Amino acid sequence: MAIYLDSALVSEAEIANKIGWVRGITTNPTLLSKSDLPPEIALKKLTALTSGPVFYQVMAHELADMLSEARKAREIIGEQTILKIPATSVGFQAVARLSSEIDCSVTAIYSAAQAVIASEAGANMAIAYVNRATRLLGDGIALVRDMASVLKNSKTEILAASIKSPQEAAAAIQAGANHLTLPLAMLQAMTIHEFSEITVEEFTQNGIGLN
C-alpha cells in the first residue's frame, strides 16, 4: 500500500516530504490551477520533493492531443511519471496506446465496468473518487468494493481519492483499495486520535524513561 499527497502546492509537498511515509504526489488540473507557478515549473519542483511517482492528469479531449500532452508530461517529470487519463471512450484509447511506454492510471471511474476496461487497456491503477461517488451514486465504498471484485486477478490496482475523513480512508482500504491519495490536512488527521493523546499524556505523567 502507498499513501500519496493530493496537492500541487510546493509548500505542502515540502511538508509531506518531511513526514517520511508519504510515497508520492498526485495532481490534477484543479490542483495545478491553485499553484502560483506555471504547471511545468510546479511539476518539476514537486518531482524534486519526492522519490516516488508524480501523477499528471491530461486535459486534452482529442486522442492525438492526449498523446502529445502525455508525452510532454513524461519529458517534464521523467521516470517518476504516472499519467492520469480520464475514464472516457477516447481516454481508454489513449491508455491503450500509452501504457506500454508510460505508467498510466485511469481517473474518475464510477463503475466496475470502467475498471475492467482500464485494466484491459493496460492501466496500472484505477482511480475511484470515493466521497464524490457517494454523493453521485449513493455509496462510494460500494464502488471500491465492486472495482476490487472485478480487478481481483488483474495487475491493475485501485487508488482511492476524494477522501473526506480518516474513517472513509480506512473504509476504502477495507473495501479493497490498494492505495490512498489525500490532501495534506487529511494526511495529518490520519495520525491523530483523542485517546492516543490521552494515553501518551498518562505515560508522561506516570512513567519513566531513559535520561
Protein backbone atom coordinates (compact mmCIF):
# COMPACT_ATOMS: atom_id res chain seq x y z
CA MET A 1 0.00 0.00 0.00
CA ALA A 2 1.11 3.56 -0.69
CA ILE A 3 -0.30 6.84 0.58
CA TYR A 4 0.12 9.90 -1.64
CA LEU A 5 -0.22 13.63 -1.15
CA ASP A 6 -3.02 15.06 -3.29
CA SER A 7 -1.72 18.57 -3.99
CA ALA A 8 0.22 20.70 -6.46
CA LEU A 9 1.50 23.18 -3.88
CA VAL A 10 5.25 23.06 -3.35
CA SER A 11 4.87 24.19 0.27
CA GLU A 12 2.63 21.20 1.01
CA ALA A 13 4.95 18.83 -0.84
CA GLU A 14 7.82 20.03 1.34
CA ILE A 15 5.83 19.17 4.48
CA ALA A 16 4.82 15.78 3.06
CA ASN A 17 8.45 15.05 2.23
CA LYS A 18 9.40 15.63 5.87
CA ILE A 19 6.61 13.36 7.11
CA GLY A 20 8.57 10.39 5.81
CA TRP A 21 5.79 7.94 4.92
CA VAL A 22 4.16 9.77 2.01
CA ARG A 23 5.12 7.87 -1.16
CA GLY A 24 4.40 10.33 -3.95
CA ILE A 25 2.22 13.16 -5.21
CA THR A 26 -0.99 13.21 -7.22
CA THR A 27 -2.05 16.32 -9.09
CA ASN A 28 -4.96 17.29 -11.29
CA PRO A 29 -5.84 20.39 -13.35
CA THR A 30 -7.76 21.98 -10.47
CA LEU A 31 -4.88 21.50 -8.03
CA LEU A 32 -2.35 22.85 -10.52
CA SER A 33 -4.53 25.93 -11.00
CA LYS A 34 -4.14 26.70 -7.28
CA SER A 35 -0.37 26.94 -7.58
CA ASP A 36 1.20 30.33 -8.22
CA LEU A 37 3.72 28.61 -10.50
CA PRO A 38 3.31 27.64 -14.17
CA PRO A 39 2.40 23.93 -14.42
CA GLU A 40 5.75 22.91 -15.89
CA ILE A 41 7.71 24.59 -13.08
CA ALA A 42 5.36 23.27 -10.40
CA LEU A 43 5.70 19.72 -11.70
CA LYS A 44 9.49 19.93 -11.76
CA LYS A 45 9.59 21.21 -8.18
CA LEU A 46 7.14 18.56 -6.99
CA THR A 47 9.18 15.84 -8.67
CA ALA A 48 12.30 17.02 -6.85
CA LEU A 49 10.49 16.72 -3.50
CA THR A 50 9.63 13.02 -3.73
CA SER A 51 11.41 9.85 -4.74
CA GLY A 52 8.05 8.35 -5.65
CA PRO A 53 5.65 8.91 -8.53
CA VAL A 54 4.16 12.22 -9.56
CA PHE A 55 0.76 11.91 -11.23
CA TYR A 56 -0.21 14.27 -14.05
CA GLN A 57 -3.74 14.41 -15.49
CA VAL A 58 -4.09 15.14 -19.19
CA MET A 59 -6.60 17.84 -20.09
CA ALA A 60 -6.88 17.29 -23.84
CA HIS A 61 -10.01 15.66 -25.26
CA GLU A 62 -8.88 14.52 -28.70
CA LEU A 63 -6.75 11.39 -28.95
CA ALA A 64 -3.80 12.93 -30.77
CA ASP A 65 -3.72 15.84 -28.34
CA MET A 66 -3.91 13.48 -25.36
CA LEU A 67 -0.93 11.51 -26.62
CA SER A 68 1.06 14.68 -27.21
CA GLU A 69 0.26 16.13 -23.78
CA ALA A 70 1.05 12.85 -22.08
CA ARG A 71 4.46 12.62 -23.69
CA LYS A 72 5.21 16.23 -22.80
CA ALA A 73 4.40 15.45 -19.16
CA ARG A 74 6.78 12.49 -19.33
CA GLU A 75 9.54 14.79 -20.58
CA ILE A 76 8.98 17.13 -17.63
CA ILE A 77 8.53 14.59 -14.83
CA GLY A 78 10.76 11.83 -16.15
CA GLU A 79 10.68 8.26 -14.89
CA GLN A 80 8.51 9.22 -11.92
CA THR A 81 5.57 9.95 -14.22
CA ILE A 82 2.21 8.30 -13.78
CA LEU A 83 -0.37 9.67 -16.17
CA LYS A 84 -3.94 10.24 -15.07
CA ILE A 85 -6.23 9.76 -18.04
CA PRO A 86 -9.98 10.32 -17.70
CA ALA A 87 -12.36 7.37 -17.96
CA THR A 88 -13.85 8.33 -21.32
CA SER A 89 -14.06 6.44 -24.58
CA VAL A 90 -11.16 8.44 -26.00
CA GLY A 91 -9.30 8.24 -22.71
CA PHE A 92 -9.30 4.45 -22.80
CA GLN A 93 -7.94 4.58 -26.34
CA ALA A 94 -5.13 6.80 -25.09
CA VAL A 95 -4.29 4.41 -22.27
CA ALA A 96 -4.10 1.51 -24.73
CA ARG A 97 -1.56 3.43 -26.80
CA LEU A 98 0.47 4.89 -23.94
CA SER A 99 0.59 2.17 -21.29
CA SER A 100 3.47 0.31 -22.96
CA GLU A 101 5.72 3.40 -22.69
CA ILE A 102 4.41 5.39 -19.69
CA ASP A 103 2.71 4.18 -16.50
CA CYS A 104 -0.97 5.08 -16.71
CA SER A 105 -3.87 5.40 -14.32
CA VAL A 106 -7.50 5.91 -15.27
CA THR A 107 -9.22 8.59 -13.24
CA ALA A 108 -12.85 9.46 -12.48
CA ILE A 109 -14.06 5.86 -12.61
CA TYR A 110 -17.66 5.44 -11.49
CA SER A 111 -18.42 1.83 -12.42
CA ALA A 112 -16.87 -1.61 -12.17
CA ALA A 113 -17.26 -1.91 -15.94
CA GLN A 114 -14.96 1.07 -16.44
CA ALA A 115 -12.44 -0.54 -14.10
CA VAL A 116 -12.46 -3.64 -16.31
CA ILE A 117 -11.72 -1.57 -19.41
CA ALA A 118 -8.97 0.32 -17.59
CA SER A 119 -7.31 -2.99 -16.84
CA GLU A 120 -7.72 -4.29 -20.39
CA ALA A 121 -6.23 -1.05 -21.75
CA GLY A 122 -3.13 -1.60 -19.61
CA ALA A 123 -3.60 0.87 -16.76
CA ASN A 124 -1.53 0.34 -13.63
CA MET A 125 -4.19 1.97 -11.47
CA ALA A 126 -7.91 2.65 -11.49
CA ILE A 127 -8.85 5.76 -9.51
CA ALA A 128 -12.13 5.98 -7.61
CA TYR A 129 -13.42 9.30 -6.25
CA VAL A 130 -14.90 7.81 -3.11
CA ASN A 131 -16.72 10.73 -1.49
CA ARG A 132 -17.84 12.17 -4.80
CA ALA A 133 -19.18 8.74 -5.79
CA THR A 134 -21.14 8.66 -2.54
CA ARG A 135 -22.71 11.99 -3.44
CA LEU A 136 -23.46 11.00 -7.02
CA LEU A 137 -24.14 7.26 -6.77
CA GLY A 138 -25.08 6.82 -3.13
CA ASP A 139 -22.17 4.67 -1.90
CA GLY A 140 -18.55 5.32 -2.86
CA ILE A 141 -17.28 2.49 -0.68
CA ALA A 142 -19.51 0.06 -2.57
CA LEU A 143 -17.93 1.32 -5.79
CA VAL A 144 -14.48 0.48 -4.44
CA ARG A 145 -15.72 -2.95 -3.38
CA ASP A 146 -17.17 -3.63 -6.84
CA MET A 147 -13.95 -2.47 -8.51
CA ALA A 148 -11.88 -4.69 -6.23
CA SER A 149 -14.02 -7.67 -7.17
CA VAL A 150 -13.58 -7.30 -10.93
CA LEU A 151 -9.87 -6.41 -10.66
CA LYS A 152 -9.03 -9.25 -8.27
CA ASN A 153 -6.99 -11.27 -10.76
CA SER A 154 -5.56 -8.36 -12.72
CA LYS A 155 -2.43 -6.25 -12.35
CA THR A 156 -4.48 -3.05 -12.06
CA GLU A 157 -4.60 -1.62 -8.55
CA ILE A 158 -7.14 0.76 -7.02
CA LEU A 159 -6.24 4.25 -5.87
CA ALA A 160 -8.90 5.80 -3.65
CA ALA A 161 -9.23 9.59 -3.94
CA SER A 162 -11.78 12.18 -2.78
CA ILE A 163 -11.47 11.07 0.83
CA LYS A 164 -13.05 13.35 3.42
CA SER A 165 -12.33 11.62 6.74
CA PRO A 166 -9.94 9.11 8.32
CA GLN A 167 -12.88 6.75 8.68
CA GLU A 168 -13.63 6.96 4.97
CA ALA A 169 -9.96 6.33 4.19
CA ALA A 170 -9.91 3.19 6.32
CA ALA A 171 -13.20 2.02 4.84
CA ALA A 172 -11.80 2.39 1.32
CA ILE A 173 -8.85 0.17 2.20
CA GLN A 174 -11.15 -2.36 3.87
CA ALA A 175 -13.26 -2.38 0.69
CA GLY A 176 -10.25 -3.29 -1.43
CA ALA A 177 -8.42 -0.09 -2.36
CA ASN A 178 -4.68 -0.66 -2.67
CA HIS A 179 -3.62 2.96 -2.23
CA LEU A 180 -4.87 6.32 -0.96
CA THR A 181 -4.29 9.89 -2.06
CA LEU A 182 -5.13 12.57 0.47
CA PRO A 183 -4.87 16.34 0.95
CA LEU A 184 -2.25 17.42 3.46
CA ALA A 185 -4.82 18.14 6.18
CA MET A 186 -6.21 14.63 5.82
CA LEU A 187 -2.73 13.07 5.91
CA GLN A 188 -2.19 14.84 9.21
CA ALA A 189 -5.64 13.93 10.54
CA MET A 190 -4.97 10.24 9.86
CA THR A 191 -2.27 10.27 12.55
CA ILE A 192 -4.44 11.67 15.33
CA HIS A 193 -6.89 10.11 17.78
CA GLU A 194 -8.01 11.74 21.01
CA PHE A 195 -7.42 8.59 23.05
CA SER A 196 -3.86 8.31 21.76
CA GLU A 197 -3.19 11.81 23.05
CA ILE A 198 -4.75 10.98 26.43
CA THR A 199 -2.78 7.74 26.73
CA VAL A 200 0.53 9.45 25.91
CA GLU A 201 -0.19 12.14 28.46
CA GLU A 202 -0.77 9.45 31.11
CA PHE A 203 2.58 7.85 30.27
CA THR A 204 4.24 11.25 30.52
CA GLN A 205 2.75 11.90 33.94
CA ASN A 206 3.23 8.45 35.45
CA GLY A 207 6.15 6.82 33.65
CA ILE A 208 9.92 6.98 33.49
CA GLY A 209 12.29 6.67 30.55
CA LEU A 210 15.95 6.99 29.61
CA ASN A 211 17.81 10.14 30.62
